[in-house]
Amino acid sequence: MKLARRPLAYSLALFMLSSFLGSLWPRLAPYDAWLLVQLNSRGNAALDYAFLLITQLGSLPFWAAATAYLWLAGELRAAAYLALGLMLEEPFALISKLVAARPRPQLAIQDLRALQFESDFSLPSGHAQRTAYAALMPRLRHRARLYLLLLLGLVSFSRIYLGAHYPLDVLVGLLNGLAFNRLLRSLDLGPLEALMAKARGWVLAKL
């Protein structure tokens, strides 16, 4: 795959910025925790239920299913973009969490309204990361872009509202997602798109 230098440079700069901010979490923890409690404590049963549903729209199963749907529907450029993004950003998020080793808010803040329990580390937010690069995929119609950006905002806020992440976790996840968007734009996805087209033809022929 060929690389375009300018988007790749933007991607590396964003990764460096997100890594720097992530490294500050021990110093920013008191302020981060205060902001989390302020946003997490102002809820009600209706919002709890709504955000528990909304947050699923940033999950790995949701975006894997969206990728498969686009692939079967013949939207191969979008499917290739999402598929490669998932293959790259998921291991990156796992490694980043292990390196940062930041405990989840529900393990560090007493009396937090933790509505969704997670057992892994907290930094960065994988939901924000994958939804960010997906929402910024190229060649989207204006209305679809607006819907996806709205989804990105709701999913990102849901992680804080539910007590699953600190605000800094979400910010780092968003920066990582933007970095992956620039990285994917620097790559020639043509070979992957062609491979997915062949696989799609083979699957449809068997159905």
N, C-alpha and C. Protein backbone atom coordinates (compact mmCIF):
# COMPACT_ATOMS: atom_id res chain seq x y z
N MET A 1 0.83 -1.19 0.00
CA MET A 1 0.00 0.00 0.00
C MET A 1 0.87 1.26 0.00
N LYS A 2 0.61 2.17 -0.88
CA LYS A 2 1.37 3.40 -0.97
C LYS A 2 0.96 4.36 0.14
N LEU A 3 1.94 5.18 0.59
CA LEU A 3 1.69 6.14 1.65
C LEU A 3 1.69 7.55 1.11
N ALA A 4 0.75 8.36 1.55
CA ALA A 4 0.75 9.79 1.26
C ALA A 4 1.39 10.50 2.45
N ARG A 5 2.42 11.29 2.22
CA ARG A 5 3.26 11.81 3.30
C ARG A 5 2.52 12.78 4.22
N ARG A 6 1.75 13.71 3.65
CA ARG A 6 1.14 14.74 4.49
C ARG A 6 0.14 14.15 5.49
N PRO A 7 -0.84 13.33 5.06
CA PRO A 7 -1.75 12.73 6.06
C PRO A 7 -1.01 11.87 7.07
N LEU A 8 0.06 11.19 6.64
CA LEU A 8 0.83 10.36 7.57
C LEU A 8 1.51 11.23 8.62
N ALA A 9 2.03 12.40 8.22
CA ALA A 9 2.65 13.31 9.18
C ALA A 9 1.63 13.82 10.18
N TYR A 10 0.42 14.16 9.70
CA TYR A 10 -0.64 14.58 10.61
C TYR A 10 -0.97 13.47 11.60
N SER A 11 -1.02 12.24 11.10
CA SER A 11 -1.35 11.09 11.94
C SER A 11 -0.32 10.92 13.05
N LEU A 12 0.95 10.98 12.70
CA LEU A 12 2.01 10.82 13.69
C LEU A 12 1.97 11.94 14.74
N ALA A 13 1.70 13.16 14.29
CA ALA A 13 1.60 14.29 15.23
C ALA A 13 0.46 14.08 16.21
N LEU A 14 -0.67 13.59 15.72
CA LEU A 14 -1.83 13.35 16.59
C LEU A 14 -1.55 12.23 17.58
N PHE A 15 -0.88 11.18 17.11
CA PHE A 15 -0.52 10.09 18.03
C PHE A 15 0.42 10.58 19.12
N MET A 16 1.36 11.45 18.76
CA MET A 16 2.28 11.99 19.76
C MET A 16 1.53 12.85 20.78
N LEU A 17 0.58 13.66 20.29
CA LEU A 17 -0.21 14.50 21.20
C LEU A 17 -1.05 13.65 22.14
N SER A 18 -1.72 12.62 21.61
CA SER A 18 -2.56 11.78 22.46
C SER A 18 -1.71 11.01 23.48
N SER A 19 -0.52 10.58 23.07
CA SER A 19 0.37 9.87 24.00
C SER A 19 0.83 10.79 25.12
N PHE A 20 1.14 12.05 24.76
CA PHE A 20 1.56 13.02 25.77
C PHE A 20 0.44 13.29 26.77
N LEU A 21 -0.76 13.54 26.26
CA LEU A 21 -1.89 13.79 27.16
C LEU A 21 -2.18 12.57 28.03
N GLY A 22 -2.10 11.38 27.43
CA GLY A 22 -2.35 10.17 28.21
C GLY A 22 -1.34 9.98 29.32
N SER A 23 -0.09 10.39 29.09
CA SER A 23 0.94 10.24 30.12
C SER A 23 0.71 11.16 31.31
N LEU A 24 -0.15 12.17 31.14
CA LEU A 24 -0.40 13.13 32.22
C LEU A 24 -1.51 12.68 33.17
N TRP A 25 -2.11 11.51 32.93
CA TRP A 25 -3.29 11.16 33.71
C TRP A 25 -3.06 11.14 35.23
N PRO A 26 -1.88 10.71 35.73
CA PRO A 26 -1.73 10.75 37.20
C PRO A 26 -1.81 12.18 37.75
N ARG A 27 -1.26 13.15 37.02
CA ARG A 27 -1.30 14.54 37.48
C ARG A 27 -2.69 15.15 37.34
N LEU A 28 -3.41 14.72 36.28
CA LEU A 28 -4.71 15.31 36.02
C LEU A 28 -5.85 14.55 36.71
N ALA A 29 -5.52 13.48 37.39
CA ALA A 29 -6.55 12.60 37.96
C ALA A 29 -7.55 13.32 38.86
N PRO A 30 -7.13 14.22 39.76
CA PRO A 30 -8.12 14.88 40.62
C PRO A 30 -9.14 15.71 39.84
N TYR A 31 -8.65 16.45 38.83
CA TYR A 31 -9.55 17.28 38.03
C TYR A 31 -10.43 16.41 37.13
N ASP A 32 -9.82 15.35 36.62
CA ASP A 32 -10.55 14.41 35.76
C ASP A 32 -11.68 13.75 36.54
N ALA A 33 -11.37 13.34 37.77
CA ALA A 33 -12.37 12.68 38.61
C ALA A 33 -13.49 13.66 38.97
N TRP A 34 -13.14 14.91 39.27
CA TRP A 34 -14.16 15.91 39.61
C TRP A 34 -15.12 16.11 38.46
N LEU A 35 -14.59 16.28 37.24
CA LEU A 35 -15.44 16.50 36.07
C LEU A 35 -16.30 15.26 35.79
N LEU A 36 -15.72 14.09 35.95
CA LEU A 36 -16.49 12.86 35.75
C LEU A 36 -17.68 12.81 36.70
N VAL A 37 -17.46 13.08 37.97
CA VAL A 37 -18.54 13.03 38.96
C VAL A 37 -19.61 14.06 38.64
N GLN A 38 -19.21 15.24 38.20
CA GLN A 38 -20.18 16.28 37.87
C GLN A 38 -21.11 15.82 36.74
N LEU A 39 -20.54 15.17 35.74
CA LEU A 39 -21.34 14.74 34.58
C LEU A 39 -22.09 13.45 34.87
N ASN A 40 -21.48 12.57 35.65
CA ASN A 40 -22.07 11.27 35.93
C ASN A 40 -23.23 11.34 36.91
N SER A 41 -23.19 12.31 37.82
CA SER A 41 -24.18 12.36 38.88
C SER A 41 -25.49 13.04 38.46
N ARG A 42 -25.49 13.70 37.31
CA ARG A 42 -26.69 14.44 36.89
C ARG A 42 -27.50 13.59 35.90
N GLY A 43 -28.06 12.52 36.39
CA GLY A 43 -28.80 11.63 35.51
C GLY A 43 -30.15 11.25 36.08
N ASN A 44 -30.87 10.48 35.27
CA ASN A 44 -32.15 9.92 35.72
C ASN A 44 -32.36 8.60 35.00
N ALA A 45 -33.42 7.91 35.35
CA ALA A 45 -33.63 6.56 34.82
C ALA A 45 -33.77 6.56 33.30
N ALA A 46 -34.47 7.55 32.75
CA ALA A 46 -34.67 7.60 31.30
C ALA A 46 -33.35 7.80 30.57
N LEU A 47 -32.52 8.72 31.07
CA LEU A 47 -31.22 8.95 30.45
C LEU A 47 -30.29 7.74 30.63
N ASP A 48 -30.38 7.10 31.78
CA ASP A 48 -29.58 5.89 32.01
C ASP A 48 -29.87 4.86 30.93
N TYR A 49 -31.12 4.60 30.70
CA TYR A 49 -31.51 3.59 29.71
C TYR A 49 -31.08 4.01 28.31
N ALA A 50 -31.28 5.30 27.99
CA ALA A 50 -30.94 5.80 26.65
C ALA A 50 -29.45 5.67 26.38
N PHE A 51 -28.63 6.05 27.35
CA PHE A 51 -27.18 6.01 27.12
C PHE A 51 -26.62 4.59 27.18
N LEU A 52 -27.29 3.70 27.91
CA LEU A 52 -26.89 2.29 27.86
C LEU A 52 -27.10 1.71 26.45
N LEU A 53 -28.12 2.18 25.76
CA LEU A 53 -28.34 1.76 24.38
C LEU A 53 -27.38 2.46 23.42
N ILE A 54 -27.23 3.76 23.60
CA ILE A 54 -26.38 4.54 22.69
C ILE A 54 -24.94 4.06 22.73
N THR A 55 -24.44 3.72 23.91
CA THR A 55 -23.04 3.34 24.02
C THR A 55 -22.71 2.08 23.22
N GLN A 56 -23.74 1.23 22.98
CA GLN A 56 -23.51 0.02 22.18
C GLN A 56 -23.18 0.35 20.73
N LEU A 57 -23.55 1.56 20.29
CA LEU A 57 -23.27 1.97 18.92
C LEU A 57 -21.81 2.35 18.71
N GLY A 58 -21.03 2.30 19.77
CA GLY A 58 -19.60 2.51 19.64
C GLY A 58 -18.80 1.26 19.92
N SER A 59 -19.48 0.15 20.11
CA SER A 59 -18.81 -1.09 20.48
C SER A 59 -18.16 -1.77 19.28
N LEU A 60 -17.23 -2.65 19.55
CA LEU A 60 -16.57 -3.41 18.48
C LEU A 60 -17.57 -4.28 17.71
N PRO A 61 -18.48 -5.01 18.37
CA PRO A 61 -19.44 -5.81 17.60
C PRO A 61 -20.29 -4.96 16.66
N PHE A 62 -20.68 -3.76 17.09
CA PHE A 62 -21.50 -2.91 16.22
C PHE A 62 -20.74 -2.52 14.96
N TRP A 63 -19.50 -2.05 15.11
CA TRP A 63 -18.75 -1.59 13.94
C TRP A 63 -18.27 -2.75 13.08
N ALA A 64 -18.05 -3.92 13.68
CA ALA A 64 -17.74 -5.11 12.88
C ALA A 64 -18.95 -5.49 12.04
N ALA A 65 -20.15 -5.42 12.63
CA ALA A 65 -21.37 -5.72 11.89
C ALA A 65 -21.61 -4.69 10.80
N ALA A 66 -21.34 -3.41 11.09
CA ALA A 66 -21.50 -2.36 10.09
C ALA A 66 -20.56 -2.58 8.92
N THR A 67 -19.34 -3.01 9.21
CA THR A 67 -18.36 -3.30 8.15
C THR A 67 -18.85 -4.45 7.26
N ALA A 68 -19.35 -5.51 7.90
CA ALA A 68 -19.85 -6.66 7.14
C ALA A 68 -21.05 -6.26 6.28
N TYR A 69 -21.93 -5.42 6.83
CA TYR A 69 -23.11 -4.97 6.07
C TYR A 69 -22.68 -4.17 4.84
N LEU A 70 -21.76 -3.24 5.02
CA LEU A 70 -21.29 -2.43 3.88
C LEU A 70 -20.61 -3.30 2.84
N TRP A 71 -19.87 -4.28 3.29
CA TRP A 71 -19.20 -5.21 2.37
C TRP A 71 -20.22 -5.98 1.54
N LEU A 72 -21.23 -6.55 2.19
CA LEU A 72 -22.24 -7.30 1.46
C LEU A 72 -23.08 -6.40 0.56
N ALA A 73 -23.26 -5.14 0.97
CA ALA A 73 -24.05 -4.19 0.18
C ALA A 73 -23.27 -3.64 -1.01
N GLY A 74 -21.99 -3.98 -1.12
CA GLY A 74 -21.19 -3.52 -2.24
C GLY A 74 -20.51 -2.18 -2.02
N GLU A 75 -20.59 -1.64 -0.80
CA GLU A 75 -19.90 -0.39 -0.47
C GLU A 75 -18.47 -0.73 -0.05
N LEU A 76 -17.68 -1.11 -1.05
CA LEU A 76 -16.39 -1.73 -0.76
C LEU A 76 -15.35 -0.75 -0.24
N ARG A 77 -15.38 0.50 -0.72
CA ARG A 77 -14.41 1.47 -0.22
C ARG A 77 -14.61 1.73 1.27
N ALA A 78 -15.87 1.94 1.66
CA ALA A 78 -16.17 2.17 3.08
C ALA A 78 -15.86 0.92 3.91
N ALA A 79 -16.19 -0.25 3.38
CA ALA A 79 -15.93 -1.50 4.10
C ALA A 79 -14.43 -1.73 4.29
N ALA A 80 -13.65 -1.43 3.26
CA ALA A 80 -12.20 -1.59 3.36
C ALA A 80 -11.62 -0.63 4.38
N TYR A 81 -12.10 0.60 4.37
CA TYR A 81 -11.64 1.61 5.33
C TYR A 81 -11.93 1.15 6.76
N LEU A 82 -13.16 0.72 7.02
CA LEU A 82 -13.53 0.31 8.37
C LEU A 82 -12.80 -0.97 8.78
N ALA A 83 -12.68 -1.92 7.86
CA ALA A 83 -12.04 -3.20 8.20
C ALA A 83 -10.58 -3.00 8.57
N LEU A 84 -9.85 -2.24 7.77
CA LEU A 84 -8.44 -2.01 8.08
C LEU A 84 -8.31 -1.20 9.36
N GLY A 85 -9.21 -0.24 9.55
CA GLY A 85 -9.18 0.54 10.78
C GLY A 85 -9.36 -0.33 12.01
N LEU A 86 -10.30 -1.25 11.97
CA LEU A 86 -10.51 -2.14 13.11
C LEU A 86 -9.30 -3.03 13.36
N MET A 87 -8.69 -3.50 12.29
CA MET A 87 -7.52 -4.37 12.44
C MET A 87 -6.34 -3.63 13.05
N LEU A 88 -6.26 -2.32 12.83
CA LEU A 88 -5.15 -1.53 13.36
C LEU A 88 -5.44 -0.94 14.73
N GLU A 89 -6.64 -0.38 14.90
CA GLU A 89 -6.89 0.38 16.13
C GLU A 89 -7.20 -0.50 17.34
N GLU A 90 -7.76 -1.69 17.12
CA GLU A 90 -8.08 -2.54 18.26
C GLU A 90 -6.82 -3.01 19.00
N PRO A 91 -5.80 -3.56 18.30
CA PRO A 91 -4.56 -3.90 19.03
C PRO A 91 -3.88 -2.68 19.64
N PHE A 92 -3.95 -1.55 18.92
CA PHE A 92 -3.35 -0.31 19.44
C PHE A 92 -4.01 0.09 20.76
N ALA A 93 -5.35 0.03 20.81
CA ALA A 93 -6.07 0.39 22.04
C ALA A 93 -5.70 -0.55 23.18
N LEU A 94 -5.59 -1.85 22.88
CA LEU A 94 -5.23 -2.82 23.91
C LEU A 94 -3.85 -2.54 24.48
N ILE A 95 -2.88 -2.30 23.59
CA ILE A 95 -1.52 -2.03 24.05
C ILE A 95 -1.47 -0.72 24.85
N SER A 96 -2.18 0.30 24.35
CA SER A 96 -2.20 1.60 25.04
C SER A 96 -2.77 1.46 26.45
N LYS A 97 -3.81 0.67 26.60
CA LYS A 97 -4.42 0.47 27.92
C LYS A 97 -3.43 -0.22 28.86
N LEU A 98 -2.71 -1.21 28.34
CA LEU A 98 -1.75 -1.92 29.17
C LEU A 98 -0.59 -1.02 29.59
N VAL A 99 -0.15 -0.15 28.68
CA VAL A 99 0.95 0.75 28.99
C VAL A 99 0.52 1.80 30.01
N ALA A 100 -0.65 2.42 29.79
CA ALA A 100 -1.13 3.44 30.73
C ALA A 100 -1.53 2.84 32.07
N ALA A 101 -2.13 1.66 32.03
CA ALA A 101 -2.53 0.93 33.25
C ALA A 101 -3.36 1.81 34.19
N ARG A 102 -4.29 2.55 33.62
CA ARG A 102 -5.15 3.40 34.44
C ARG A 102 -6.39 2.62 34.88
N PRO A 103 -6.64 2.51 36.17
CA PRO A 103 -7.83 1.77 36.63
C PRO A 103 -9.12 2.45 36.18
N ARG A 104 -10.15 1.67 36.03
CA ARG A 104 -11.46 2.22 35.68
C ARG A 104 -11.99 3.10 36.81
N PRO A 105 -12.82 4.09 36.48
CA PRO A 105 -13.33 5.00 37.51
C PRO A 105 -14.05 4.30 38.65
N GLN A 106 -14.81 3.24 38.33
CA GLN A 106 -15.58 2.58 39.38
C GLN A 106 -14.69 1.90 40.42
N LEU A 107 -13.41 1.68 40.07
CA LEU A 107 -12.47 1.08 41.02
C LEU A 107 -11.74 2.13 41.83
N ALA A 108 -11.83 3.38 41.42
CA ALA A 108 -11.06 4.44 42.07
C ALA A 108 -11.92 5.48 42.77
N ILE A 109 -13.19 5.59 42.40
CA ILE A 109 -14.06 6.64 42.95
C ILE A 109 -15.21 5.98 43.71
N GLN A 110 -15.27 6.25 44.98
CA GLN A 110 -16.35 5.68 45.78
C GLN A 110 -17.68 6.36 45.45
N ASP A 111 -18.74 5.61 45.52
CA ASP A 111 -20.10 6.11 45.31
C ASP A 111 -20.33 6.65 43.90
N LEU A 112 -19.52 6.22 42.94
CA LEU A 112 -19.75 6.61 41.55
C LEU A 112 -20.97 5.86 41.02
N ARG A 113 -21.79 6.54 40.21
CA ARG A 113 -22.93 5.87 39.56
C ARG A 113 -22.40 5.08 38.36
N ALA A 114 -21.79 3.94 38.63
CA ALA A 114 -21.21 3.12 37.56
C ALA A 114 -22.32 2.25 36.96
N LEU A 115 -22.78 2.63 35.79
CA LEU A 115 -23.89 1.93 35.16
C LEU A 115 -23.43 0.85 34.18
N GLN A 116 -22.15 0.87 33.85
CA GLN A 116 -21.61 -0.17 32.97
C GLN A 116 -20.24 -0.56 33.48
N PHE A 117 -20.12 -1.79 33.95
CA PHE A 117 -18.85 -2.24 34.51
C PHE A 117 -17.94 -2.79 33.42
N GLU A 118 -16.69 -2.36 33.44
CA GLU A 118 -15.67 -2.85 32.51
C GLU A 118 -14.51 -3.38 33.32
N SER A 119 -13.91 -4.47 32.87
CA SER A 119 -12.87 -5.12 33.66
C SER A 119 -11.46 -4.75 33.22
N ASP A 120 -11.30 -4.16 32.03
CA ASP A 120 -9.95 -3.83 31.55
C ASP A 120 -9.55 -2.43 32.03
N PHE A 121 -8.39 -1.96 31.57
CA PHE A 121 -7.94 -0.62 31.95
C PHE A 121 -8.74 0.45 31.21
N SER A 122 -8.57 1.70 31.64
CA SER A 122 -9.48 2.76 31.24
C SER A 122 -9.01 3.65 30.10
N LEU A 123 -7.69 3.85 29.94
CA LEU A 123 -7.16 4.82 29.00
C LEU A 123 -6.49 4.13 27.81
N PRO A 124 -6.96 4.39 26.57
CA PRO A 124 -8.00 5.32 26.13
C PRO A 124 -9.37 4.66 26.04
N SER A 125 -10.38 5.46 25.68
CA SER A 125 -11.71 4.92 25.43
C SER A 125 -11.76 4.30 24.04
N GLY A 126 -11.94 2.99 23.98
CA GLY A 126 -12.02 2.32 22.69
C GLY A 126 -13.27 2.71 21.92
N HIS A 127 -14.37 2.93 22.62
CA HIS A 127 -15.61 3.34 21.96
C HIS A 127 -15.42 4.67 21.22
N ALA A 128 -14.82 5.64 21.92
CA ALA A 128 -14.58 6.94 21.29
C ALA A 128 -13.59 6.81 20.14
N GLN A 129 -12.57 6.00 20.32
CA GLN A 129 -11.53 5.85 19.30
C GLN A 129 -12.09 5.30 18.01
N ARG A 130 -12.81 4.17 18.09
CA ARG A 130 -13.27 3.54 16.85
C ARG A 130 -14.41 4.34 16.21
N THR A 131 -15.27 4.97 17.03
CA THR A 131 -16.36 5.74 16.45
C THR A 131 -15.83 7.01 15.78
N ALA A 132 -14.73 7.56 16.30
CA ALA A 132 -14.15 8.77 15.70
C ALA A 132 -13.61 8.49 14.31
N TYR A 133 -12.82 7.43 14.16
CA TYR A 133 -12.28 7.18 12.82
C TYR A 133 -13.38 6.74 11.85
N ALA A 134 -14.41 6.06 12.37
CA ALA A 134 -15.52 5.65 11.51
C ALA A 134 -16.34 6.85 11.06
N ALA A 135 -16.59 7.78 11.98
CA ALA A 135 -17.41 8.94 11.64
C ALA A 135 -16.73 9.85 10.63
N LEU A 136 -15.40 9.76 10.54
CA LEU A 136 -14.64 10.62 9.64
C LEU A 136 -14.21 9.93 8.36
N MET A 137 -14.84 8.78 8.07
CA MET A 137 -14.46 8.07 6.85
C MET A 137 -14.70 8.95 5.62
N PRO A 138 -13.87 8.83 4.58
CA PRO A 138 -14.00 9.70 3.40
C PRO A 138 -15.22 9.36 2.54
N ARG A 139 -15.57 10.33 1.70
CA ARG A 139 -16.61 10.16 0.68
C ARG A 139 -18.00 9.91 1.26
N LEU A 140 -18.27 10.48 2.42
CA LEU A 140 -19.62 10.38 2.98
C LEU A 140 -20.46 11.54 2.49
N ARG A 141 -21.74 11.30 2.29
CA ARG A 141 -22.66 12.39 1.99
C ARG A 141 -22.79 13.30 3.21
N HIS A 142 -23.13 14.56 2.94
CA HIS A 142 -23.17 15.56 4.01
C HIS A 142 -24.10 15.14 5.14
N ARG A 143 -25.28 14.63 4.83
CA ARG A 143 -26.23 14.25 5.87
C ARG A 143 -25.72 13.06 6.67
N ALA A 144 -25.12 12.08 5.98
CA ALA A 144 -24.56 10.92 6.68
C ALA A 144 -23.43 11.35 7.61
N ARG A 145 -22.61 12.31 7.15
CA ARG A 145 -21.53 12.81 8.00
C ARG A 145 -22.09 13.47 9.27
N LEU A 146 -23.13 14.25 9.13
CA LEU A 146 -23.73 14.91 10.29
C LEU A 146 -24.28 13.88 11.28
N TYR A 147 -24.94 12.85 10.76
CA TYR A 147 -25.49 11.81 11.63
C TYR A 147 -24.37 11.10 12.40
N LEU A 148 -23.28 10.79 11.68
CA LEU A 148 -22.18 10.07 12.32
C LEU A 148 -21.46 10.95 13.34
N LEU A 149 -21.32 12.23 13.06
CA LEU A 149 -20.70 13.13 14.03
C LEU A 149 -21.58 13.28 15.28
N LEU A 150 -22.90 13.31 15.07
CA LEU A 150 -23.82 13.33 16.22
C LEU A 150 -23.67 12.04 17.02
N LEU A 151 -23.58 10.91 16.32
CA LEU A 151 -23.38 9.63 16.99
C LEU A 151 -22.07 9.64 17.79
N LEU A 152 -21.03 10.21 17.19
CA LEU A 152 -19.74 10.28 17.86
C LEU A 152 -19.85 11.06 19.17
N GLY A 153 -20.54 12.20 19.13
CA GLY A 153 -20.71 13.00 20.34
C GLY A 153 -21.49 12.25 21.41
N LEU A 154 -22.55 11.57 21.01
CA LEU A 154 -23.38 10.85 21.98
C LEU A 154 -22.64 9.65 22.57
N VAL A 155 -21.95 8.90 21.73
CA VAL A 155 -21.20 7.74 22.23
C VAL A 155 -20.10 8.20 23.18
N SER A 156 -19.39 9.26 22.80
CA SER A 156 -18.30 9.75 23.64
C SER A 156 -18.84 10.20 25.00
N PHE A 157 -19.93 10.94 24.99
CA PHE A 157 -20.50 11.40 26.26
C PHE A 157 -21.03 10.23 27.08
N SER A 158 -21.57 9.22 26.39
CA SER A 158 -22.13 8.07 27.10
C SER A 158 -21.09 7.36 27.96
N ARG A 159 -19.83 7.35 27.51
CA ARG A 159 -18.79 6.66 28.27
C ARG A 159 -18.54 7.35 29.61
N ILE A 160 -18.68 8.68 29.63
CA ILE A 160 -18.51 9.44 30.87
C ILE A 160 -19.78 9.34 31.72
N TYR A 161 -20.92 9.51 31.08
CA TYR A 161 -22.20 9.48 31.80
C TYR A 161 -22.37 8.14 32.52
N LEU A 162 -21.98 7.06 31.88
CA LEU A 162 -22.16 5.73 32.46
C LEU A 162 -21.09 5.39 33.49
N GLY A 163 -20.11 6.27 33.66
CA GLY A 163 -19.05 6.01 34.62
C GLY A 163 -18.02 5.01 34.14
N ALA A 164 -17.98 4.75 32.84
CA ALA A 164 -17.04 3.76 32.30
C ALA A 164 -15.67 4.36 32.02
N HIS A 165 -15.61 5.68 31.81
CA HIS A 165 -14.35 6.34 31.47
C HIS A 165 -14.29 7.73 32.08
N TYR A 166 -13.07 8.19 32.30
CA TYR A 166 -12.82 9.58 32.64
C TYR A 166 -12.88 10.43 31.36
N PRO A 167 -13.12 11.74 31.50
CA PRO A 167 -13.09 12.61 30.32
C PRO A 167 -11.78 12.56 29.56
N LEU A 168 -10.65 12.45 30.27
CA LEU A 168 -9.36 12.38 29.58
C LEU A 168 -9.26 11.12 28.73
N ASP A 169 -9.81 10.00 29.21
CA ASP A 169 -9.81 8.77 28.42
C ASP A 169 -10.52 8.97 27.08
N VAL A 170 -11.64 9.68 27.14
CA VAL A 170 -12.43 9.93 25.94
C VAL A 170 -11.68 10.86 25.00
N LEU A 171 -11.07 11.92 25.56
CA LEU A 171 -10.32 12.86 24.73
C LEU A 171 -9.17 12.15 24.01
N VAL A 172 -8.43 11.32 24.72
CA VAL A 172 -7.33 10.58 24.10
C VAL A 172 -7.86 9.63 23.04
N GLY A 173 -8.98 8.98 23.32
CA GLY A 173 -9.59 8.10 22.32
C GLY A 173 -9.99 8.85 21.06
N LEU A 174 -10.55 10.05 21.23
CA LEU A 174 -10.94 10.86 20.07
C LEU A 174 -9.73 11.27 19.24
N LEU A 175 -8.65 11.67 19.91
CA LEU A 175 -7.43 12.02 19.19
C LEU A 175 -6.85 10.82 18.46
N ASN A 176 -6.88 9.66 19.10
CA ASN A 176 -6.40 8.45 18.44
C ASN A 176 -7.26 8.12 17.22
N GLY A 177 -8.58 8.28 17.36
CA GLY A 177 -9.46 8.02 16.22
C GLY A 177 -9.18 8.94 15.06
N LEU A 178 -8.94 10.22 15.36
CA LEU A 178 -8.59 11.18 14.32
C LEU A 178 -7.25 10.82 13.68
N ALA A 179 -6.31 10.35 14.51
CA ALA A 179 -5.02 9.93 13.98
C ALA A 179 -5.17 8.73 13.04
N PHE A 180 -6.01 7.78 13.42
CA PHE A 180 -6.23 6.62 12.55
C PHE A 180 -6.93 7.03 11.25
N ASN A 181 -7.81 8.01 11.34
CA ASN A 181 -8.43 8.53 10.12
C ASN A 181 -7.38 9.09 9.16
N ARG A 182 -6.45 9.88 9.69
CA ARG A 182 -5.39 10.44 8.84
C ARG A 182 -4.48 9.34 8.32
N LEU A 183 -4.20 8.34 9.16
CA LEU A 183 -3.36 7.23 8.73
C LEU A 183 -4.01 6.47 7.58
N LEU A 184 -5.29 6.17 7.71
CA LEU A 184 -5.99 5.42 6.67
C LEU A 184 -6.09 6.23 5.38
N ARG A 185 -6.21 7.55 5.51
CA ARG A 185 -6.25 8.40 4.32
C ARG A 185 -4.89 8.45 3.62
N SER A 186 -3.84 8.11 4.36
CA SER A 186 -2.51 8.10 3.76
C SER A 186 -2.22 6.81 2.99
N LEU A 187 -3.09 5.82 3.15
CA LEU A 187 -2.87 4.52 2.52
C LEU A 187 -3.69 4.37 1.25
N ASP A 188 -3.17 3.61 0.32
CA ASP A 188 -3.92 3.23 -0.88
C ASP A 188 -4.71 1.97 -0.54
N LEU A 189 -6.01 2.11 -0.39
CA LEU A 189 -6.86 0.98 0.00
C LEU A 189 -7.31 0.15 -1.19
N GLY A 190 -6.85 0.51 -2.39
CA GLY A 190 -7.27 -0.21 -3.60
C GLY A 190 -7.05 -1.70 -3.54
N PRO A 191 -5.84 -2.18 -3.15
CA PRO A 191 -5.63 -3.64 -3.10
C PRO A 191 -6.57 -4.35 -2.13
N LEU A 192 -6.80 -3.76 -0.96
CA LEU A 192 -7.73 -4.38 0.00
C LEU A 192 -9.14 -4.36 -0.54
N GLU A 193 -9.52 -3.27 -1.19
CA GLU A 193 -10.85 -3.18 -1.78
C GLU A 193 -11.05 -4.25 -2.84
N ALA A 194 -10.02 -4.46 -3.68
CA ALA A 194 -10.11 -5.49 -4.72
C ALA A 194 -10.22 -6.88 -4.11
N LEU A 195 -9.47 -7.13 -3.05
CA LEU A 195 -9.53 -8.43 -2.38
C LEU A 195 -10.91 -8.66 -1.78
N MET A 196 -11.48 -7.62 -1.17
CA MET A 196 -12.82 -7.75 -0.59
C MET A 196 -13.87 -7.92 -1.67
N ALA A 197 -13.66 -7.33 -2.84
CA ALA A 197 -14.60 -7.50 -3.95
C ALA A 197 -14.60 -8.96 -4.43
N LYS A 198 -13.43 -9.56 -4.51
CA LYS A 198 -13.34 -10.97 -4.91
C LYS A 198 -14.01 -11.87 -3.87
N ALA A 199 -13.75 -11.58 -2.60
CA ALA A 199 -14.35 -12.39 -1.54
C ALA A 199 -15.87 -12.24 -1.56
N ARG A 200 -16.35 -11.04 -1.80
CA ARG A 200 -17.79 -10.80 -1.86
C ARG A 200 -18.41 -11.58 -3.03
N GLY A 201 -17.74 -11.55 -4.19
CA GLY A 201 -18.25 -12.28 -5.34
C GLY A 201 -18.32 -13.77 -5.07
N TRP A 202 -17.32 -14.29 -4.39
CA TRP A 202 -17.30 -15.72 -4.07
C TRP A 202 -18.43 -16.07 -3.11
N VAL A 203 -18.64 -15.23 -2.08
CA VAL A 203 -19.69 -15.49 -1.09
C VAL A 203 -21.07 -15.42 -1.75
N LEU A 204 -21.30 -14.39 -2.57
CA LEU A 204 -22.61 -14.25 -3.22
C LEU A 204 -22.88 -15.39 -4.19
N ALA A 205 -21.82 -15.90 -4.81
CA ALA A 205 -21.99 -17.02 -5.75
C ALA A 205 -22.40 -18.30 -5.01
N LYS A 206 -22.01 -18.40 -3.75
CA LYS A 206 -22.32 -19.59 -2.97
C LYS A 206 -23.70 -19.52 -2.32
N LEU A 207 -24.27 -18.33 -2.25
CA LEU A 207 -25.58 -18.18 -1.60
C LEU A 207 -26.71 -18.62 -2.51
